[in-house]
């Protein structure tokens, strides 16, 4: 797996703050052809001493996240301890789900077994890429061995179902006591998604649906669709403050939420995890992606017993980007 990321490095009074501008091809809305130019523009504006808040980054949510977190890091003198909590102190871990990637039946079953053996009580399965009957067989096999009290199953369809077949598939999946399903149909089909949320036997989660939504349209979107949950990926929706606004609006409508990484390196993941730890959520978060990369930036982040920890005794090694 290759994942493009840029790092925004701010220096002041001998201290360095680092933020990650992380995009996902074909999912992020950041314009590819002008992305490098926008990063250069941001750097030139900052170097001239202008207020970062004056920079228009509405079309570049990943750069907004990178700038926001670089400023936070600079404010704590580059320590990477952005949000003090029991998590950043290393005394408490964040519960996370175990992610199972799409693949053939044997590959997925192998991953599921590994996650369960590693102590995960919540696993997230990608569905929609295989034959649907095969996916039902995989889920049925889990339920024959583990009840929902033992293993919580979350599904992510990534928009793979159609408005025509989605409800039938959701009904067939529901017999396996599924916690929730993300984005059963593609985003921007508001009427169809609203109808699914009203009729589905499985709680529906919005994910891609939140990407590119204007701040003034957030409340109306939630009111129209009425999902059970929303998932927040700060790199894709404009940063931590924008994510907090989604959370506020969701809670006003009794909509649940959790946080998921957008496959950032440990720089971005650290900022998201430390922020998440301050939010008081009891749900497993989607923050177990740091071990995906063979060349990730060494950091205090580590996974033990299905929890993400910030082990202060493990130092940062920023030599690859500084």
Protein backbone atom coordinates (compact mmCIF):
# COMPACT_ATOMS: atom_id res chain seq x y z
CA UNK A 1 0.00 0.00 0.00
CA UNK A 2 1.25 3.47 -0.93
CA UNK A 3 -0.30 6.54 0.64
CA UNK A 4 0.52 10.15 -0.35
CA UNK A 5 1.12 12.61 2.50
CA UNK A 6 2.76 16.00 2.82
CA UNK A 7 4.10 17.49 6.04
CA UNK A 8 3.68 21.13 6.97
CA UNK A 9 6.59 22.20 9.18
CA UNK A 10 6.35 25.43 11.20
CA UNK A 11 9.28 26.94 13.05
CA UNK A 12 9.25 29.69 15.69
CA UNK A 13 11.57 30.62 18.55
CA UNK A 14 13.64 27.50 17.99
CA UNK A 15 10.69 25.09 18.16
CA UNK A 16 9.15 23.02 15.35
CA UNK A 17 5.52 22.04 14.85
CA UNK A 18 4.56 19.39 12.32
CA UNK A 19 1.18 18.73 10.73
CA UNK A 20 0.23 16.11 8.17
CA UNK A 21 -1.71 16.87 5.00
CA UNK A 22 -3.01 13.44 4.09
CA UNK A 23 -5.23 12.63 1.13
CA UNK A 24 -6.88 9.48 -0.19
CA UNK A 25 -6.95 9.30 -4.00
CA UNK A 26 -10.47 9.29 -5.46
CA UNK A 27 -11.98 10.06 -2.05
CA UNK A 28 -10.47 13.32 -0.82
CA UNK A 29 -11.99 16.41 -2.42
CA UNK A 30 -8.69 18.34 -2.40
CA UNK A 31 -7.94 19.28 -6.06
CA UNK A 32 -4.98 17.20 -7.19
CA UNK A 33 -3.76 19.54 -9.92
CA UNK A 34 -3.47 22.58 -7.62
CA UNK A 35 -2.55 20.80 -4.39
CA UNK A 36 1.20 21.42 -4.44
CA UNK A 37 0.61 25.04 -5.41
CA UNK A 38 -1.79 25.52 -2.50
CA UNK A 39 0.73 24.09 -0.05
CA UNK A 40 3.34 26.49 -1.43
CA UNK A 41 0.88 29.38 -1.10
CA UNK A 42 0.16 28.48 2.53
CA UNK A 43 3.89 28.43 3.30
CA UNK A 44 4.45 31.80 1.62
CA UNK A 45 1.55 33.40 3.51
CA UNK A 46 2.81 32.06 6.84
CA UNK A 47 6.36 33.13 6.11
CA UNK A 48 5.11 36.69 5.60
CA UNK A 49 3.60 36.63 9.10
CA UNK A 50 -0.07 36.70 8.16
CA UNK A 51 -2.72 35.20 10.44
CA UNK A 52 -3.24 31.50 9.54
CA UNK A 53 -6.99 31.98 10.09
CA UNK A 54 -7.14 34.21 7.02
CA UNK A 55 -6.12 31.39 4.65
CA UNK A 56 -9.05 29.98 2.68
CA UNK A 57 -8.79 26.18 2.81
CA UNK A 58 -12.44 25.19 2.28
CA UNK A 59 -11.52 23.25 -0.87
CA UNK A 60 -8.46 21.70 0.80
CA UNK A 61 -9.67 19.93 3.96
CA UNK A 62 -6.48 17.90 4.34
CA UNK A 63 -4.33 21.05 4.32
CA UNK A 64 -6.72 22.64 6.84
CA UNK A 65 -6.15 19.63 9.12
CA UNK A 66 -2.38 19.77 8.58
CA UNK A 67 -2.18 23.48 9.36
CA UNK A 68 -4.45 23.19 12.39
CA UNK A 69 -2.40 20.38 13.93
CA UNK A 70 0.97 21.92 13.02
CA UNK A 71 -0.07 25.05 14.92
CA UNK A 72 -1.15 22.92 17.88
CA UNK A 73 2.21 21.16 17.87
CA UNK A 74 4.09 24.45 17.66
CA UNK A 75 2.07 25.75 20.62
CA UNK A 76 3.40 22.86 22.75
CA UNK A 77 6.96 23.46 21.51
CA UNK A 78 6.97 20.48 19.18
CA UNK A 79 6.41 17.96 21.94
CA UNK A 80 3.63 16.14 20.03
CA UNK A 81 1.59 16.13 23.27
CA UNK A 82 -1.23 18.17 21.77
CA UNK A 83 -4.10 17.31 24.12
CA UNK A 84 -3.25 16.43 27.74
CA UNK A 85 -5.19 13.40 28.96
CA UNK A 86 -4.64 10.00 30.53
CA UNK A 87 -4.08 8.76 26.96
CA UNK A 88 -1.28 11.22 26.14
CA UNK A 89 0.21 10.52 29.58
CA UNK A 90 0.37 6.84 28.65
CA UNK A 91 -1.83 5.54 31.43
CA UNK A 92 -4.96 4.73 29.40
CA UNK A 93 -5.60 3.25 25.97
CA UNK A 94 -8.24 4.00 23.35
CA UNK A 95 -10.42 1.00 22.44
CA UNK A 96 -10.22 0.39 18.68
CA UNK A 97 -11.92 -1.89 16.19
CA UNK A 98 -10.02 -4.54 14.26
CA UNK A 99 -10.18 -3.79 10.54
CA UNK A 100 -10.57 -6.69 8.11
CA UNK A 101 -9.67 -5.81 4.52
CA UNK A 102 -11.52 -6.99 1.44
CA UNK A 103 -10.19 -10.06 -0.30
CA UNK A 104 -11.12 -13.63 -1.07
CA UNK A 105 -12.84 -15.77 1.53
CA UNK A 106 -9.67 -17.43 2.85
CA UNK A 107 -7.88 -14.09 3.20
CA UNK A 108 -10.74 -12.49 5.10
CA UNK A 109 -11.25 -15.50 7.36
CA UNK A 110 -7.54 -15.47 8.20
CA UNK A 111 -7.71 -11.79 9.15
CA UNK A 112 -10.80 -12.33 11.30
CA UNK A 113 -9.11 -15.13 13.22
CA UNK A 114 -6.01 -12.98 13.76
CA UNK A 115 -8.09 -10.08 15.09
CA UNK A 116 -10.03 -12.28 17.49
CA UNK A 117 -6.85 -13.94 18.73
CA UNK A 118 -5.37 -10.46 19.27
CA UNK A 119 -8.20 -9.65 21.67
CA UNK A 120 -10.48 -7.52 19.53
CA UNK A 121 -14.12 -7.47 20.62
CA UNK A 122 -15.18 -5.22 17.75
CA UNK A 123 -14.27 -6.05 14.16
CA UNK A 124 -15.04 -4.09 11.04
CA UNK A 125 -15.58 -6.00 7.80
CA UNK A 126 -15.46 -4.47 4.36
CA UNK A 127 -18.33 -5.86 2.27
CA UNK A 128 -19.44 -5.39 -1.29
CA UNK A 129 -16.34 -6.54 -3.16
CA UNK A 130 -16.97 -10.29 -3.02
CA UNK A 131 -19.96 -12.33 -4.02
CA UNK A 132 -22.67 -11.39 -1.52
CA UNK A 133 -23.44 -15.03 -0.66
CA UNK A 134 -19.78 -15.55 0.21
CA UNK A 135 -19.83 -12.51 2.48
CA UNK A 136 -22.92 -13.87 4.23
CA UNK A 137 -21.09 -17.17 4.76
CA UNK A 138 -18.13 -15.38 6.35
CA UNK A 139 -20.35 -13.42 8.72
CA UNK A 140 -22.45 -16.51 9.54
CA UNK A 141 -19.27 -18.39 10.46
CA UNK A 142 -18.35 -15.67 12.96
CA UNK A 143 -21.78 -15.78 14.55
CA UNK A 144 -21.69 -19.57 14.88
CA UNK A 145 -18.64 -19.16 17.13
CA UNK A 146 -19.26 -15.78 18.76
CA UNK A 147 -22.41 -14.03 19.89
CA UNK A 148 -22.82 -10.27 19.60
CA UNK A 149 -21.95 -10.07 23.30
CA UNK A 150 -18.55 -11.57 22.46
CA UNK A 151 -17.81 -9.93 19.10
CA UNK A 152 -19.39 -6.76 17.75
CA UNK A 153 -19.53 -6.74 13.95
CA UNK A 154 -19.43 -3.48 12.06
CA UNK A 155 -19.75 -3.50 8.28
CA UNK A 156 -18.55 -1.00 5.70
CA UNK A 157 -20.02 -1.23 2.21
CA UNK A 158 -18.22 1.84 0.83
CA UNK A 159 -21.29 2.53 -1.30
CA UNK A 160 -21.21 -0.88 -2.98
CA UNK A 161 -24.97 -1.55 -2.79
CA UNK A 162 -27.51 0.10 -5.06
CA UNK A 163 -30.73 1.81 -3.96
CA UNK A 164 -32.56 -1.05 -5.68
CA UNK A 165 -30.92 -3.93 -3.80
CA UNK A 166 -29.70 -2.32 -0.58
CA UNK A 167 -32.72 -2.97 1.63
CA UNK A 168 -32.90 -6.63 0.64
CA UNK A 169 -29.20 -7.07 1.46
CA UNK A 170 -29.58 -5.24 4.76
CA UNK A 171 -32.48 -7.52 5.70
CA UNK A 172 -30.40 -10.61 4.92
CA UNK A 173 -27.46 -9.28 6.92
CA UNK A 174 -29.60 -8.33 9.91
CA UNK A 175 -30.09 -11.94 11.06
CA UNK A 176 -26.43 -11.90 12.17
CA UNK A 177 -26.93 -9.17 14.77
CA UNK A 178 -24.85 -6.51 13.04
CA UNK A 179 -23.94 -3.41 15.06
CA UNK A 180 -24.03 -1.03 12.07
CA UNK A 181 -23.18 -0.62 8.40
CA UNK A 182 -21.33 2.30 6.86
CA UNK A 183 -22.43 3.93 3.65
CA UNK A 184 -24.49 1.09 2.11
CA UNK A 185 -25.03 3.17 -1.04
CA UNK A 186 -22.93 5.85 -2.70
CA UNK A 187 -23.05 9.34 -1.28
CA UNK A 188 -25.17 12.17 -2.71
CA UNK A 189 -28.26 10.00 -3.12
CA UNK A 190 -30.03 11.80 -0.31
CA UNK A 191 -33.60 10.61 -0.86
CA UNK A 192 -32.54 6.98 -1.21
CA UNK A 193 -30.25 7.16 1.82
CA UNK A 194 -32.94 8.81 3.95
CA UNK A 195 -35.39 6.05 3.02
CA UNK A 196 -32.81 3.37 3.85
CA UNK A 197 -32.12 4.92 7.25
CA UNK A 198 -35.83 4.93 7.99
CA UNK A 199 -36.39 1.30 6.93
CA UNK A 200 -33.12 -0.53 7.55
CA UNK A 201 -33.05 -3.21 10.27
CA UNK A 202 -29.34 -2.39 10.72
CA UNK A 203 -28.26 1.05 12.00
CA UNK A 204 -26.74 3.04 9.13
CA UNK A 205 -23.59 5.11 9.43
CA UNK A 206 -22.66 8.02 7.19
CA UNK A 207 -19.00 8.24 6.18
CA UNK A 208 -18.26 9.43 2.64
CA UNK A 209 -21.54 11.36 2.79
CA UNK A 210 -19.86 13.97 5.03
CA UNK A 211 -16.98 14.73 2.65
CA UNK A 212 -17.29 18.04 0.85
CA UNK A 213 -20.41 19.19 2.72
CA UNK A 214 -20.40 22.95 3.24
CA UNK A 215 -20.53 24.10 6.88
CA UNK A 216 -23.92 25.73 6.27
CA UNK A 217 -25.36 22.44 4.96
CA UNK A 218 -24.29 20.09 7.77
CA UNK A 219 -27.37 20.41 9.94
CA UNK A 220 -29.79 20.06 7.03
CA UNK A 221 -28.00 16.92 5.80
CA UNK A 222 -28.34 15.21 9.17
CA UNK A 223 -31.96 16.29 9.53
CA UNK A 224 -32.84 14.89 6.11
CA UNK A 225 -31.05 11.55 6.27
CA UNK A 226 -31.34 10.83 10.02
CA UNK A 227 -28.56 8.24 10.26
CA UNK A 228 -27.92 6.25 13.42
CA UNK A 229 -24.23 7.28 13.45
CA UNK A 230 -21.70 9.38 11.62
CA UNK A 231 -17.99 8.67 11.19
CA UNK A 232 -15.52 11.52 11.32
CA UNK A 233 -12.24 11.53 9.41
CA UNK A 234 -10.67 14.91 10.21
CA UNK A 235 -8.29 14.85 7.21
CA UNK A 236 -11.24 14.49 4.84
CA UNK A 237 -13.66 16.96 6.41
CA UNK A 238 -11.48 19.93 7.28
CA UNK A 239 -9.84 19.22 10.62
CA UNK A 240 -10.62 18.88 14.30
CA UNK A 241 -12.77 21.99 14.72
CA UNK A 242 -14.94 21.02 11.77
CA UNK A 243 -15.26 17.52 13.24
CA UNK A 244 -16.33 18.99 16.57
CA UNK A 245 -19.05 20.92 14.78
CA UNK A 246 -20.33 17.68 13.20
CA UNK A 247 -20.33 16.08 16.67
CA UNK A 248 -22.31 18.97 18.16
CA UNK A 249 -24.93 18.84 15.42
CA UNK A 250 -25.16 15.05 15.61
CA UNK A 251 -25.65 15.01 19.37
CA UNK A 252 -28.40 17.61 19.08
CA UNK A 253 -30.25 15.10 16.89
CA UNK A 254 -29.36 12.06 19.05
CA UNK A 255 -27.05 10.70 16.35
CA UNK A 256 -24.05 8.70 17.55
CA UNK A 257 -20.51 9.07 16.23
CA UNK A 258 -16.99 7.73 16.31
CA UNK A 259 -13.63 8.76 14.88
CA UNK A 260 -11.67 7.01 12.14
CA UNK A 261 -8.28 7.73 10.65
CA UNK A 262 -7.86 8.38 6.94
CA UNK A 263 -4.76 6.19 6.77
CA UNK A 264 -2.47 8.97 8.01
CA UNK A 265 1.09 8.37 9.14
CA UNK A 266 1.77 8.48 12.87
CA UNK A 267 1.97 12.28 12.73
CA UNK A 268 -1.65 12.69 11.73
CA UNK A 269 -2.82 9.64 13.66
CA UNK A 270 -1.26 10.99 16.85
CA UNK A 271 -3.13 14.29 16.56
CA UNK A 272 -6.44 12.51 15.90
CA UNK A 273 -5.96 9.97 18.68
CA UNK A 274 -5.00 12.54 21.33
CA UNK A 275 -7.97 14.71 20.35
CA UNK A 276 -10.32 11.71 20.37
CA UNK A 277 -9.20 10.81 23.89
CA UNK A 278 -10.59 14.13 25.15
CA UNK A 279 -14.08 13.57 23.69
CA UNK A 280 -15.34 10.99 26.18
CA UNK A 281 -16.60 8.42 23.67
CA UNK A 282 -17.03 4.87 24.95
CA UNK A 283 -17.21 3.29 21.48
CA UNK A 284 -14.28 1.54 19.79
CA UNK A 285 -12.63 3.99 17.41
CA UNK A 286 -11.22 3.34 13.94
CA UNK A 287 -7.65 4.30 14.84
CA UNK A 288 -5.71 1.08 14.38
CA UNK A 289 -4.12 1.92 11.03
CA UNK A 290 -0.64 3.00 12.13
CA UNK A 291 0.84 -0.47 11.72
CA UNK A 292 -0.10 -0.70 8.04
CA UNK A 293 3.07 0.95 6.78
CA UNK A 294 6.57 -0.49 6.78
CA UNK A 295 8.08 3.01 6.69
CA UNK A 296 5.84 4.77 9.20
CA UNK A 297 7.42 7.39 11.44
CA UNK A 298 8.56 5.75 14.70
CA UNK A 299 6.47 7.14 17.54
CA UNK A 300 5.04 6.39 20.99
CA UNK A 301 1.85 5.02 19.39
CA UNK A 302 1.42 1.29 19.87
CA UNK A 303 -1.41 -1.24 19.96
CA UNK A 304 -1.87 -3.62 22.89
CA UNK A 305 -4.91 -5.78 23.65
CA UNK A 306 -7.09 -4.04 21.04
CA UNK A 307 -6.30 -0.59 22.41
CA UNK A 308 -4.17 2.23 21.06
CA UNK A 309 -1.64 3.57 23.57
CA UNK A 310 0.75 6.51 23.65
CA UNK A 311 3.82 5.03 25.31
CA UNK A 312 5.98 7.99 26.29
CA UNK A 313 9.01 5.76 26.76
CA UNK A 314 9.00 5.12 22.99
CA UNK A 315 10.58 8.19 21.37
CA UNK A 316 9.62 9.97 18.19
CA UNK A 317 12.09 9.64 15.33
CA UNK A 318 11.45 12.51 12.93
CA UNK A 319 14.68 12.15 10.98
CA UNK A 320 12.84 11.10 7.83
CA UNK A 321 10.92 14.40 7.56
CA UNK A 322 13.18 16.93 9.30
